[in-house]
Amino acid sequence: VVPRSNGALEAIELGMLIGPDAELRTHLPIADAPKHLLDAILAAEDREFREHPGVNFRSMIRAALANAQEGGYSQGGSTLTMQVVRNINQRKEKTVQRKLYEMVSAIAIDDHLGKDGVLQMYLDAPYLGQRGNLSVCGFEAAAWHYFGKSARDLDIAESATLAGILPAPGKFAPDRFPAKAKERRHRVLAGMAEVYGYDVA
């Protein structure tokens, strides 16, 4: 603590507490998250988030048909809620059993927490980059890492950048691959314009 001019004491940050998983993660209350950040996430990851019960069955069918045509597993059809389940249980194997578990769990979580509850969990959950040997997780930590500011203060382009790198921060991180990050940002901005009417010209 340090004294202020009025005699009160004020805390100063000496460093960060790092848990056993070596993750930089800072809580961002959904009430403090800019609307354009939430819109960027949904435009990038789950445009029908507010309409489905945790699983987007139409998207799952589309992904299954695309995978059957391509003879592989290029599309997953995961909703944002299913991604929350995956972040909690850390199961990554590409099996039918895991996908079924995710679907059942996503419907239960969506019903129990509601949409804002799921979004709140998602804000703090995803891996968004690397700082040395520490994983940068959640949008608040990522905002400080890439832009030196709180997620509360991100502008639309910065929010779109973070949402754009979600699928693969190792390939799209703006500090390492600025051209790819910019391309991803443009895709998200186009989605925000299409879905939510943002003027991003």
N, C-alpha and C. Protein backbone atom coordinates (compact mmCIF):
# COMPACT_ATOMS: atom_id res chain seq x y z
N VAL A 1 0.84 -1.19 0.00
CA VAL A 1 0.00 0.00 0.00
C VAL A 1 0.87 1.24 0.00
N VAL A 2 0.32 2.34 -0.51
CA VAL A 2 1.02 3.63 -0.51
C VAL A 2 0.06 4.69 0.02
N PRO A 3 0.57 5.69 0.74
CA PRO A 3 -0.32 6.74 1.24
C PRO A 3 -0.73 7.70 0.14
N ARG A 4 -1.98 8.18 0.20
CA ARG A 4 -2.44 9.24 -0.69
C ARG A 4 -2.41 10.56 0.06
N SER A 5 -2.67 11.63 -0.65
CA SER A 5 -2.55 12.96 -0.05
C SER A 5 -3.54 13.18 1.09
N ASN A 6 -4.67 12.49 1.04
CA ASN A 6 -5.67 12.67 2.09
C ASN A 6 -5.45 11.74 3.30
N GLY A 7 -4.34 11.04 3.30
CA GLY A 7 -4.01 10.16 4.41
C GLY A 7 -4.51 8.74 4.26
N ALA A 8 -5.36 8.49 3.24
CA ALA A 8 -5.86 7.13 3.02
C ALA A 8 -4.77 6.29 2.37
N LEU A 9 -4.93 4.99 2.45
CA LEU A 9 -3.98 4.07 1.85
C LEU A 9 -4.56 3.49 0.56
N GLU A 10 -3.71 3.32 -0.43
CA GLU A 10 -4.15 2.82 -1.73
C GLU A 10 -3.24 1.67 -2.15
N ALA A 11 -3.87 0.60 -2.63
CA ALA A 11 -3.08 -0.57 -3.06
C ALA A 11 -2.38 -0.28 -4.38
N ILE A 12 -1.21 -0.84 -4.54
CA ILE A 12 -0.52 -0.78 -5.83
C ILE A 12 -0.21 -2.21 -6.25
N GLU A 13 -0.24 -2.45 -7.56
CA GLU A 13 0.03 -3.79 -8.07
C GLU A 13 1.53 -4.04 -8.10
N LEU A 14 1.93 -5.14 -7.45
CA LEU A 14 3.33 -5.54 -7.45
C LEU A 14 3.62 -6.59 -8.50
N GLY A 15 2.64 -7.37 -8.83
CA GLY A 15 2.82 -8.43 -9.81
C GLY A 15 1.55 -9.23 -9.92
N MET A 16 1.56 -10.26 -10.77
CA MET A 16 0.37 -11.08 -10.97
C MET A 16 0.55 -12.42 -10.27
N LEU A 17 -0.54 -12.94 -9.76
CA LEU A 17 -0.54 -14.29 -9.23
C LEU A 17 -0.77 -15.25 -10.38
N ILE A 18 0.13 -16.17 -10.58
CA ILE A 18 0.03 -17.14 -11.67
C ILE A 18 -0.28 -18.50 -11.07
N GLY A 19 -1.34 -19.12 -11.55
CA GLY A 19 -1.76 -20.42 -11.04
C GLY A 19 -0.90 -21.55 -11.58
N PRO A 20 -1.22 -22.78 -11.19
CA PRO A 20 -0.41 -23.94 -11.58
C PRO A 20 -0.45 -24.23 -13.08
N ASP A 21 -1.46 -23.70 -13.78
CA ASP A 21 -1.56 -23.93 -15.22
C ASP A 21 -0.83 -22.88 -16.04
N ALA A 22 -0.12 -21.97 -15.37
CA ALA A 22 0.67 -20.92 -16.03
C ALA A 22 -0.18 -20.11 -17.01
N GLU A 23 -1.33 -19.64 -16.52
CA GLU A 23 -2.23 -18.87 -17.35
C GLU A 23 -2.39 -17.45 -16.81
N LEU A 24 -2.37 -16.48 -17.73
CA LEU A 24 -2.74 -15.11 -17.39
C LEU A 24 -4.23 -14.98 -17.67
N ARG A 25 -5.01 -14.79 -16.63
CA ARG A 25 -6.46 -14.75 -16.80
C ARG A 25 -7.02 -13.72 -15.81
N THR A 26 -7.76 -12.74 -16.31
CA THR A 26 -8.35 -11.70 -15.48
C THR A 26 -9.85 -11.64 -15.76
N HIS A 27 -10.64 -11.59 -14.72
CA HIS A 27 -12.10 -11.60 -14.87
C HIS A 27 -12.60 -10.31 -15.53
N LEU A 28 -13.49 -10.46 -16.50
CA LEU A 28 -14.16 -9.33 -17.14
C LEU A 28 -15.66 -9.50 -16.93
N PRO A 29 -16.28 -8.74 -16.02
CA PRO A 29 -17.73 -8.84 -15.83
C PRO A 29 -18.46 -8.50 -17.13
N ILE A 30 -19.47 -9.26 -17.45
CA ILE A 30 -20.18 -9.03 -18.70
C ILE A 30 -20.79 -7.63 -18.74
N ALA A 31 -21.15 -7.10 -17.58
CA ALA A 31 -21.71 -5.75 -17.53
C ALA A 31 -20.70 -4.69 -17.94
N ASP A 32 -19.41 -5.01 -17.84
CA ASP A 32 -18.35 -4.07 -18.20
C ASP A 32 -17.84 -4.26 -19.62
N ALA A 33 -18.25 -5.34 -20.26
CA ALA A 33 -17.77 -5.64 -21.61
C ALA A 33 -18.48 -4.74 -22.62
N PRO A 34 -17.76 -4.07 -23.51
CA PRO A 34 -18.42 -3.25 -24.53
C PRO A 34 -19.35 -4.10 -25.39
N LYS A 35 -20.47 -3.53 -25.79
CA LYS A 35 -21.41 -4.27 -26.63
C LYS A 35 -20.73 -4.72 -27.93
N HIS A 36 -19.84 -3.87 -28.48
CA HIS A 36 -19.21 -4.27 -29.74
C HIS A 36 -18.26 -5.45 -29.56
N LEU A 37 -17.73 -5.66 -28.36
CA LEU A 37 -16.91 -6.84 -28.13
C LEU A 37 -17.79 -8.09 -28.14
N LEU A 38 -18.92 -8.04 -27.44
CA LEU A 38 -19.84 -9.18 -27.43
C LEU A 38 -20.36 -9.45 -28.84
N ASP A 39 -20.69 -8.41 -29.58
CA ASP A 39 -21.17 -8.59 -30.95
C ASP A 39 -20.09 -9.19 -31.84
N ALA A 40 -18.84 -8.77 -31.64
CA ALA A 40 -17.74 -9.33 -32.44
C ALA A 40 -17.58 -10.82 -32.17
N ILE A 41 -17.66 -11.21 -30.90
CA ILE A 41 -17.53 -12.63 -30.54
C ILE A 41 -18.63 -13.45 -31.20
N LEU A 42 -19.87 -12.96 -31.10
CA LEU A 42 -21.00 -13.71 -31.67
C LEU A 42 -20.94 -13.72 -33.18
N ALA A 43 -20.55 -12.61 -33.80
CA ALA A 43 -20.43 -12.58 -35.27
C ALA A 43 -19.38 -13.56 -35.76
N ALA A 44 -18.32 -13.72 -34.98
CA ALA A 44 -17.23 -14.61 -35.38
C ALA A 44 -17.51 -16.07 -35.06
N GLU A 45 -18.17 -16.32 -33.93
CA GLU A 45 -18.24 -17.69 -33.43
C GLU A 45 -19.62 -18.33 -33.46
N ASP A 46 -20.68 -17.52 -33.33
CA ASP A 46 -21.99 -18.15 -33.16
C ASP A 46 -23.09 -17.12 -33.42
N ARG A 47 -23.40 -16.89 -34.68
CA ARG A 47 -24.34 -15.82 -35.04
C ARG A 47 -25.77 -16.09 -34.55
N GLU A 48 -26.11 -17.34 -34.34
CA GLU A 48 -27.46 -17.68 -33.90
C GLU A 48 -27.49 -18.01 -32.40
N PHE A 49 -26.52 -17.52 -31.67
CA PHE A 49 -26.38 -17.82 -30.24
C PHE A 49 -27.66 -17.55 -29.46
N ARG A 50 -28.31 -16.43 -29.73
CA ARG A 50 -29.51 -16.04 -28.97
C ARG A 50 -30.73 -16.88 -29.34
N GLU A 51 -30.68 -17.62 -30.44
CA GLU A 51 -31.84 -18.37 -30.89
C GLU A 51 -31.80 -19.86 -30.54
N HIS A 52 -30.64 -20.46 -30.46
CA HIS A 52 -30.58 -21.92 -30.25
C HIS A 52 -30.50 -22.27 -28.76
N PRO A 53 -30.77 -23.52 -28.40
CA PRO A 53 -30.79 -23.94 -26.99
C PRO A 53 -29.42 -24.40 -26.45
N GLY A 54 -28.35 -23.95 -27.08
CA GLY A 54 -27.02 -24.41 -26.69
C GLY A 54 -26.37 -25.24 -27.78
N VAL A 55 -27.20 -25.81 -28.65
CA VAL A 55 -26.75 -26.59 -29.80
C VAL A 55 -27.50 -26.06 -31.02
N ASN A 56 -26.76 -25.79 -32.08
CA ASN A 56 -27.36 -25.34 -33.33
C ASN A 56 -27.45 -26.55 -34.26
N PHE A 57 -28.60 -27.19 -34.26
CA PHE A 57 -28.74 -28.45 -34.99
C PHE A 57 -28.60 -28.26 -36.49
N ARG A 58 -29.07 -27.12 -37.01
CA ARG A 58 -28.90 -26.87 -38.45
C ARG A 58 -27.42 -26.76 -38.81
N SER A 59 -26.66 -26.08 -37.96
CA SER A 59 -25.23 -25.94 -38.20
C SER A 59 -24.52 -27.29 -38.10
N MET A 60 -24.96 -28.12 -37.16
CA MET A 60 -24.36 -29.45 -37.01
C MET A 60 -24.61 -30.29 -38.26
N ILE A 61 -25.81 -30.21 -38.80
CA ILE A 61 -26.13 -30.98 -40.01
C ILE A 61 -25.30 -30.49 -41.19
N ARG A 62 -25.20 -29.15 -41.33
CA ARG A 62 -24.37 -28.58 -42.40
C ARG A 62 -22.93 -29.07 -42.29
N ALA A 63 -22.38 -29.03 -41.07
CA ALA A 63 -21.00 -29.46 -40.86
C ALA A 63 -20.83 -30.94 -41.17
N ALA A 64 -21.80 -31.76 -40.75
CA ALA A 64 -21.72 -33.19 -41.02
C ALA A 64 -21.74 -33.48 -42.51
N LEU A 65 -22.59 -32.76 -43.25
CA LEU A 65 -22.64 -32.96 -44.71
C LEU A 65 -21.34 -32.51 -45.37
N ALA A 66 -20.80 -31.37 -44.92
CA ALA A 66 -19.54 -30.87 -45.49
C ALA A 66 -18.41 -31.85 -45.21
N ASN A 67 -18.37 -32.38 -44.00
CA ASN A 67 -17.32 -33.33 -43.65
C ASN A 67 -17.44 -34.62 -44.45
N ALA A 68 -18.68 -35.05 -44.68
CA ALA A 68 -18.88 -36.28 -45.46
C ALA A 68 -18.42 -36.08 -46.90
N GLN A 69 -18.69 -34.90 -47.46
CA GLN A 69 -18.27 -34.62 -48.84
C GLN A 69 -16.76 -34.54 -48.95
N GLU A 70 -16.12 -33.97 -47.92
CA GLU A 70 -14.67 -33.78 -47.97
C GLU A 70 -13.92 -34.99 -47.43
N GLY A 71 -14.63 -35.92 -46.83
CA GLY A 71 -14.00 -37.14 -46.31
C GLY A 71 -13.09 -36.89 -45.13
N GLY A 72 -13.38 -35.85 -44.35
CA GLY A 72 -12.55 -35.55 -43.19
C GLY A 72 -13.36 -34.91 -42.09
N TYR A 73 -12.68 -34.04 -41.33
CA TYR A 73 -13.33 -33.37 -40.20
C TYR A 73 -12.93 -31.90 -40.21
N SER A 74 -13.28 -31.21 -41.30
CA SER A 74 -12.85 -29.83 -41.45
C SER A 74 -13.78 -28.86 -40.73
N GLN A 75 -15.05 -29.27 -40.51
CA GLN A 75 -16.00 -28.40 -39.83
C GLN A 75 -16.58 -29.12 -38.62
N GLY A 76 -16.78 -28.35 -37.53
CA GLY A 76 -17.26 -28.98 -36.31
C GLY A 76 -18.67 -28.59 -35.92
N GLY A 77 -19.15 -27.43 -36.34
CA GLY A 77 -20.49 -27.00 -36.01
C GLY A 77 -20.70 -26.67 -34.54
N SER A 78 -19.61 -26.42 -33.81
CA SER A 78 -19.73 -26.14 -32.38
C SER A 78 -20.30 -24.75 -32.14
N THR A 79 -21.20 -24.67 -31.18
CA THR A 79 -21.71 -23.37 -30.75
C THR A 79 -20.77 -22.79 -29.69
N LEU A 80 -21.02 -21.54 -29.36
CA LEU A 80 -20.23 -20.90 -28.32
C LEU A 80 -20.40 -21.65 -26.99
N THR A 81 -21.63 -22.13 -26.73
CA THR A 81 -21.89 -22.88 -25.50
C THR A 81 -21.12 -24.19 -25.48
N MET A 82 -21.03 -24.85 -26.61
CA MET A 82 -20.25 -26.09 -26.68
C MET A 82 -18.77 -25.81 -26.47
N GLN A 83 -18.30 -24.66 -26.94
CA GLN A 83 -16.91 -24.28 -26.69
C GLN A 83 -16.65 -24.07 -25.20
N VAL A 84 -17.64 -23.50 -24.50
CA VAL A 84 -17.51 -23.34 -23.04
C VAL A 84 -17.35 -24.70 -22.39
N VAL A 85 -18.17 -25.67 -22.80
CA VAL A 85 -18.07 -27.03 -22.26
C VAL A 85 -16.66 -27.59 -22.49
N ARG A 86 -16.14 -27.39 -23.71
CA ARG A 86 -14.82 -27.91 -24.05
C ARG A 86 -13.73 -27.23 -23.23
N ASN A 87 -13.89 -25.93 -22.97
CA ASN A 87 -12.90 -25.24 -22.14
C ASN A 87 -12.92 -25.73 -20.70
N ILE A 88 -14.10 -26.16 -20.24
CA ILE A 88 -14.21 -26.66 -18.87
C ILE A 88 -13.59 -28.05 -18.74
N ASN A 89 -13.96 -28.95 -19.67
CA ASN A 89 -13.52 -30.34 -19.50
C ASN A 89 -12.19 -30.66 -20.19
N GLN A 90 -11.74 -29.74 -21.07
CA GLN A 90 -10.43 -29.89 -21.74
C GLN A 90 -10.33 -31.13 -22.62
N ARG A 91 -11.47 -31.69 -23.03
CA ARG A 91 -11.45 -32.84 -23.95
C ARG A 91 -11.39 -32.33 -25.37
N LYS A 92 -10.38 -32.76 -26.12
CA LYS A 92 -10.15 -32.24 -27.47
C LYS A 92 -10.28 -33.31 -28.56
N GLU A 93 -10.42 -34.56 -28.17
CA GLU A 93 -10.43 -35.62 -29.18
C GLU A 93 -11.64 -35.47 -30.11
N LYS A 94 -11.44 -35.77 -31.38
CA LYS A 94 -12.49 -35.61 -32.37
C LYS A 94 -13.24 -36.94 -32.52
N THR A 95 -14.16 -37.18 -31.58
CA THR A 95 -14.94 -38.40 -31.60
C THR A 95 -16.42 -38.07 -31.50
N VAL A 96 -17.26 -39.01 -31.95
CA VAL A 96 -18.71 -38.83 -31.85
C VAL A 96 -19.13 -38.77 -30.39
N GLN A 97 -18.51 -39.61 -29.55
CA GLN A 97 -18.87 -39.63 -28.13
C GLN A 97 -18.61 -38.29 -27.46
N ARG A 98 -17.47 -37.67 -27.76
CA ARG A 98 -17.18 -36.37 -27.17
C ARG A 98 -18.15 -35.31 -27.64
N LYS A 99 -18.50 -35.35 -28.93
CA LYS A 99 -19.43 -34.37 -29.48
C LYS A 99 -20.81 -34.53 -28.86
N LEU A 100 -21.26 -35.75 -28.66
CA LEU A 100 -22.56 -35.97 -28.02
C LEU A 100 -22.56 -35.47 -26.59
N TYR A 101 -21.46 -35.72 -25.88
CA TYR A 101 -21.33 -35.22 -24.50
C TYR A 101 -21.40 -33.69 -24.48
N GLU A 102 -20.70 -33.07 -25.40
CA GLU A 102 -20.71 -31.61 -25.49
C GLU A 102 -22.11 -31.08 -25.76
N MET A 103 -22.84 -31.74 -26.64
CA MET A 103 -24.18 -31.29 -26.99
C MET A 103 -25.12 -31.35 -25.79
N VAL A 104 -25.11 -32.48 -25.09
CA VAL A 104 -25.98 -32.64 -23.91
C VAL A 104 -25.59 -31.63 -22.84
N SER A 105 -24.29 -31.47 -22.61
CA SER A 105 -23.82 -30.53 -21.58
C SER A 105 -24.15 -29.09 -21.96
N ALA A 106 -24.03 -28.76 -23.25
CA ALA A 106 -24.30 -27.40 -23.70
C ALA A 106 -25.77 -27.04 -23.49
N ILE A 107 -26.67 -27.96 -23.79
CA ILE A 107 -28.09 -27.71 -23.59
C ILE A 107 -28.38 -27.49 -22.10
N ALA A 108 -27.75 -28.31 -21.24
CA ALA A 108 -27.96 -28.17 -19.80
C ALA A 108 -27.41 -26.85 -19.28
N ILE A 109 -26.22 -26.47 -19.73
CA ILE A 109 -25.60 -25.21 -19.29
C ILE A 109 -26.42 -24.01 -19.77
N ASP A 110 -26.85 -24.06 -21.03
CA ASP A 110 -27.65 -22.97 -21.58
C ASP A 110 -28.94 -22.78 -20.78
N ASP A 111 -29.57 -23.89 -20.43
CA ASP A 111 -30.82 -23.84 -19.66
C ASP A 111 -30.57 -23.32 -18.25
N HIS A 112 -29.47 -23.75 -17.64
CA HIS A 112 -29.19 -23.40 -16.25
C HIS A 112 -28.68 -21.97 -16.09
N LEU A 113 -27.76 -21.55 -16.96
CA LEU A 113 -27.12 -20.24 -16.82
C LEU A 113 -27.81 -19.14 -17.60
N GLY A 114 -28.49 -19.48 -18.68
CA GLY A 114 -29.04 -18.47 -19.57
C GLY A 114 -27.94 -17.93 -20.48
N LYS A 115 -28.36 -17.14 -21.46
CA LYS A 115 -27.41 -16.67 -22.47
C LYS A 115 -26.32 -15.77 -21.87
N ASP A 116 -26.70 -14.85 -21.01
CA ASP A 116 -25.69 -13.96 -20.43
C ASP A 116 -24.73 -14.72 -19.52
N GLY A 117 -25.22 -15.76 -18.85
CA GLY A 117 -24.34 -16.57 -18.02
C GLY A 117 -23.31 -17.32 -18.85
N VAL A 118 -23.74 -17.84 -19.99
CA VAL A 118 -22.81 -18.53 -20.89
C VAL A 118 -21.79 -17.54 -21.44
N LEU A 119 -22.27 -16.37 -21.87
CA LEU A 119 -21.35 -15.35 -22.39
C LEU A 119 -20.34 -14.94 -21.32
N GLN A 120 -20.79 -14.82 -20.08
CA GLN A 120 -19.88 -14.46 -19.00
C GLN A 120 -18.76 -15.48 -18.86
N MET A 121 -19.12 -16.76 -18.90
CA MET A 121 -18.09 -17.80 -18.82
C MET A 121 -17.14 -17.72 -20.00
N TYR A 122 -17.69 -17.43 -21.17
CA TYR A 122 -16.86 -17.40 -22.37
C TYR A 122 -15.88 -16.24 -22.37
N LEU A 123 -16.27 -15.11 -21.81
CA LEU A 123 -15.38 -13.95 -21.78
C LEU A 123 -14.06 -14.25 -21.08
N ASP A 124 -14.09 -15.10 -20.08
CA ASP A 124 -12.90 -15.38 -19.29
C ASP A 124 -12.18 -16.66 -19.71
N ALA A 125 -12.78 -17.42 -20.66
CA ALA A 125 -12.30 -18.77 -20.89
C ALA A 125 -11.25 -18.98 -21.98
N PRO A 126 -11.41 -18.44 -23.20
CA PRO A 126 -10.61 -18.97 -24.30
C PRO A 126 -9.14 -18.59 -24.26
N TYR A 127 -8.35 -19.49 -24.82
CA TYR A 127 -6.93 -19.23 -25.03
C TYR A 127 -6.80 -18.24 -26.19
N LEU A 128 -6.05 -17.15 -25.96
CA LEU A 128 -5.95 -16.10 -26.97
C LEU A 128 -4.51 -15.69 -27.28
N GLY A 129 -3.54 -16.44 -26.81
CA GLY A 129 -2.17 -16.10 -27.16
C GLY A 129 -1.17 -16.55 -26.12
N GLN A 130 0.06 -16.15 -26.34
CA GLN A 130 1.17 -16.59 -25.51
C GLN A 130 2.05 -15.41 -25.12
N ARG A 131 2.38 -15.35 -23.85
CA ARG A 131 3.32 -14.34 -23.36
C ARG A 131 4.47 -15.08 -22.69
N GLY A 132 5.52 -15.31 -23.45
CA GLY A 132 6.61 -16.16 -22.95
C GLY A 132 6.08 -17.56 -22.75
N ASN A 133 6.25 -18.09 -21.54
CA ASN A 133 5.75 -19.43 -21.25
C ASN A 133 4.38 -19.41 -20.58
N LEU A 134 3.71 -18.24 -20.60
CA LEU A 134 2.39 -18.10 -19.99
C LEU A 134 1.31 -18.03 -21.06
N SER A 135 0.22 -18.75 -20.84
CA SER A 135 -0.93 -18.69 -21.75
C SER A 135 -1.78 -17.47 -21.41
N VAL A 136 -2.17 -16.72 -22.43
CA VAL A 136 -3.06 -15.57 -22.24
C VAL A 136 -4.48 -16.05 -22.48
N CYS A 137 -5.31 -16.01 -21.44
CA CYS A 137 -6.66 -16.58 -21.51
C CYS A 137 -7.70 -15.53 -21.13
N GLY A 138 -8.78 -15.49 -21.88
CA GLY A 138 -9.85 -14.54 -21.61
C GLY A 138 -9.58 -13.20 -22.28
N PHE A 139 -10.65 -12.44 -22.49
CA PHE A 139 -10.56 -11.22 -23.26
C PHE A 139 -9.92 -10.06 -22.50
N GLU A 140 -10.06 -10.05 -21.18
CA GLU A 140 -9.42 -8.98 -20.42
C GLU A 140 -7.89 -9.12 -20.47
N ALA A 141 -7.41 -10.33 -20.22
CA ALA A 141 -5.96 -10.56 -20.29
C ALA A 141 -5.44 -10.32 -21.69
N ALA A 142 -6.20 -10.73 -22.70
CA ALA A 142 -5.76 -10.54 -24.09
C ALA A 142 -5.73 -9.06 -24.47
N ALA A 143 -6.70 -8.29 -23.99
CA ALA A 143 -6.71 -6.86 -24.28
C ALA A 143 -5.46 -6.19 -23.73
N TRP A 144 -5.08 -6.53 -22.52
CA TRP A 144 -3.86 -5.96 -21.93
C TRP A 144 -2.62 -6.45 -22.68
N HIS A 145 -2.62 -7.72 -23.05
CA HIS A 145 -1.45 -8.30 -23.73
C HIS A 145 -1.21 -7.65 -25.09
N TYR A 146 -2.26 -7.52 -25.90
CA TYR A 146 -2.08 -7.03 -27.27
C TYR A 146 -2.18 -5.52 -27.40
N PHE A 147 -3.01 -4.88 -26.56
CA PHE A 147 -3.29 -3.46 -26.77
C PHE A 147 -2.95 -2.58 -25.57
N GLY A 148 -2.51 -3.18 -24.47
CA GLY A 148 -2.10 -2.39 -23.31
C GLY A 148 -3.23 -1.64 -22.65
N LYS A 149 -4.45 -2.19 -22.73
CA LYS A 149 -5.61 -1.54 -22.13
C LYS A 149 -6.61 -2.59 -21.69
N SER A 150 -7.55 -2.17 -20.87
CA SER A 150 -8.63 -3.06 -20.45
C SER A 150 -9.55 -3.34 -21.62
N ALA A 151 -10.18 -4.51 -21.60
CA ALA A 151 -11.18 -4.84 -22.62
C ALA A 151 -12.33 -3.84 -22.59
N ARG A 152 -12.55 -3.20 -21.45
CA ARG A 152 -13.61 -2.19 -21.34
C ARG A 152 -13.37 -1.03 -22.30
N ASP A 153 -12.11 -0.81 -22.68
CA ASP A 153 -11.73 0.36 -23.50
C ASP A 153 -11.41 0.01 -24.94
N LEU A 154 -11.64 -1.23 -25.34
CA LEU A 154 -11.35 -1.63 -26.72
C LEU A 154 -12.27 -0.92 -27.70
N ASP A 155 -11.74 -0.54 -28.85
CA ASP A 155 -12.60 -0.01 -29.89
C ASP A 155 -13.12 -1.17 -30.75
N ILE A 156 -13.91 -0.85 -31.74
CA ILE A 156 -14.55 -1.90 -32.55
C ILE A 156 -13.50 -2.75 -33.28
N ALA A 157 -12.50 -2.10 -33.87
CA ALA A 157 -11.48 -2.84 -34.63
C ALA A 157 -10.68 -3.76 -33.71
N GLU A 158 -10.34 -3.29 -32.52
CA GLU A 158 -9.58 -4.12 -31.57
C GLU A 158 -10.42 -5.30 -31.09
N SER A 159 -11.70 -5.06 -30.84
CA SER A 159 -12.59 -6.14 -30.45
C SER A 159 -12.69 -7.18 -31.56
N ALA A 160 -12.82 -6.72 -32.80
CA ALA A 160 -12.90 -7.64 -33.94
C ALA A 160 -11.60 -8.43 -34.11
N THR A 161 -10.48 -7.80 -33.80
CA THR A 161 -9.19 -8.50 -33.88
C THR A 161 -9.15 -9.66 -32.90
N LEU A 162 -9.54 -9.42 -31.65
CA LEU A 162 -9.52 -10.49 -30.65
C LEU A 162 -10.50 -11.60 -31.01
N ALA A 163 -11.69 -11.23 -31.48
CA ALA A 163 -12.65 -12.25 -31.88
C ALA A 163 -12.14 -13.03 -33.09
N GLY A 164 -11.43 -12.35 -33.96
CA GLY A 164 -10.94 -12.99 -35.18
C GLY A 164 -9.87 -14.04 -34.96
N ILE A 165 -9.09 -13.88 -33.90
CA ILE A 165 -7.99 -14.83 -33.67
C ILE A 165 -8.44 -16.05 -32.87
N LEU A 166 -9.71 -16.07 -32.43
CA LEU A 166 -10.20 -17.16 -31.58
C LEU A 166 -9.92 -18.57 -32.11
N PRO A 167 -10.14 -18.85 -33.40
CA PRO A 167 -9.94 -20.23 -33.84
C PRO A 167 -8.51 -20.74 -33.67
N ALA A 168 -7.53 -19.86 -33.81
CA ALA A 168 -6.13 -20.31 -33.78
C ALA A 168 -5.21 -19.14 -33.46
N PRO A 169 -5.10 -18.74 -32.18
CA PRO A 169 -4.21 -17.63 -31.82
C PRO A 169 -2.76 -17.87 -32.24
N GLY A 170 -2.34 -19.11 -32.29
CA GLY A 170 -0.98 -19.41 -32.71
C GLY A 170 -0.70 -19.04 -34.16
N LYS A 171 -1.77 -18.96 -34.97
CA LYS A 171 -1.62 -18.61 -36.39
C LYS A 171 -1.97 -17.15 -36.67
N PHE A 172 -2.82 -16.56 -35.81
CA PHE A 172 -3.39 -15.25 -36.13
C PHE A 172 -3.05 -14.16 -35.13
N ALA A 173 -2.22 -14.42 -34.14
CA ALA A 173 -1.93 -13.42 -33.11
C ALA A 173 -1.38 -12.14 -33.75
N PRO A 174 -1.95 -10.98 -33.41
CA PRO A 174 -1.53 -9.73 -34.08
C PRO A 174 -0.10 -9.32 -33.78
N ASP A 175 0.47 -9.77 -32.68
CA ASP A 175 1.86 -9.41 -32.38
C ASP A 175 2.86 -10.26 -33.17
N ARG A 176 2.42 -11.38 -33.70
CA ARG A 176 3.31 -12.27 -34.44
C ARG A 176 2.96 -12.36 -35.93
N PHE A 177 1.68 -12.27 -36.23
CA PHE A 177 1.23 -12.39 -37.62
C PHE A 177 0.24 -11.27 -37.94
N PRO A 178 0.73 -10.02 -38.00
CA PRO A 178 -0.17 -8.88 -38.16
C PRO A 178 -1.01 -8.93 -39.44
N ALA A 179 -0.45 -9.42 -40.53
CA ALA A 179 -1.21 -9.46 -41.79
C ALA A 179 -2.37 -10.44 -41.68
N LYS A 180 -2.11 -11.61 -41.11
CA LYS A 180 -3.19 -12.60 -40.94
C LYS A 180 -4.22 -12.10 -39.94
N ALA A 181 -3.76 -11.45 -38.87
CA ALA A 181 -4.69 -10.91 -37.88
C ALA A 181 -5.60 -9.85 -38.51
N LYS A 182 -5.03 -9.04 -39.38
CA LYS A 182 -5.81 -7.99 -40.06
C LYS A 182 -6.85 -8.61 -40.98
N GLU A 183 -6.47 -9.67 -41.67
CA GLU A 183 -7.42 -10.37 -42.54
C GLU A 183 -8.57 -10.94 -41.73
N ARG A 184 -8.24 -11.55 -40.59
CA ARG A 184 -9.28 -12.11 -39.71
C ARG A 184 -10.18 -10.99 -39.16
N ARG A 185 -9.57 -9.87 -38.79
CA ARG A 185 -10.34 -8.73 -38.28
C ARG A 185 -11.35 -8.26 -39.32
N HIS A 186 -10.93 -8.17 -40.58
CA HIS A 186 -11.83 -7.72 -41.64
C HIS A 186 -13.02 -8.67 -41.80
N ARG A 187 -12.76 -9.96 -41.64
CA ARG A 187 -13.86 -10.94 -41.74
C ARG A 187 -14.88 -10.71 -40.63
N VAL A 188 -14.39 -10.49 -39.42
CA VAL A 188 -15.29 -10.27 -38.29
C VAL A 188 -16.05 -8.97 -38.47
N LEU A 189 -15.36 -7.92 -38.89
CA LEU A 189 -16.04 -6.64 -39.12
C LEU A 189 -17.14 -6.79 -40.17
N ALA A 190 -16.87 -7.56 -41.22
CA ALA A 190 -17.89 -7.79 -42.24
C ALA A 190 -19.08 -8.53 -41.63
N GLY A 191 -18.81 -9.49 -40.77
CA GLY A 191 -19.88 -10.21 -40.09
C GLY A 191 -20.68 -9.31 -39.18
N MET A 192 -20.00 -8.41 -38.48
CA MET A 192 -20.70 -7.46 -37.60
C MET A 192 -21.60 -6.52 -38.40
N ALA A 193 -21.13 -6.12 -39.59
CA ALA A 193 -21.94 -5.27 -40.45
C ALA A 193 -23.17 -6.03 -40.95
N GLU A 194 -22.95 -7.29 -41.32
CA GLU A 194 -24.04 -8.11 -41.88
C GLU A 194 -25.09 -8.46 -40.83
N VAL A 195 -24.64 -8.86 -39.63
CA VAL A 195 -25.56 -9.36 -38.62
C VAL A 195 -26.15 -8.24 -37.76
N TYR A 196 -25.32 -7.25 -37.41
CA TYR A 196 -25.75 -6.24 -36.44
C TYR A 196 -25.84 -4.82 -37.02
N GLY A 197 -25.51 -4.68 -38.30
CA GLY A 197 -25.66 -3.39 -38.94
C GLY A 197 -24.57 -2.38 -38.62
N TYR A 198 -23.40 -2.85 -38.19
CA TYR A 198 -22.30 -1.93 -37.91
C TYR A 198 -21.83 -1.25 -39.19
N ASP A 199 -21.48 0.01 -39.07
CA ASP A 199 -20.88 0.75 -40.18
C ASP A 199 -19.37 0.66 -40.00
N VAL A 200 -18.75 -0.22 -40.77
CA VAL A 200 -17.32 -0.47 -40.59
C VAL A 200 -16.52 -0.05 -41.82
N ALA A 201 -17.10 0.78 -42.65
CA ALA A 201 -16.40 1.23 -43.87
C ALA A 201 -15.22 2.11 -43.51
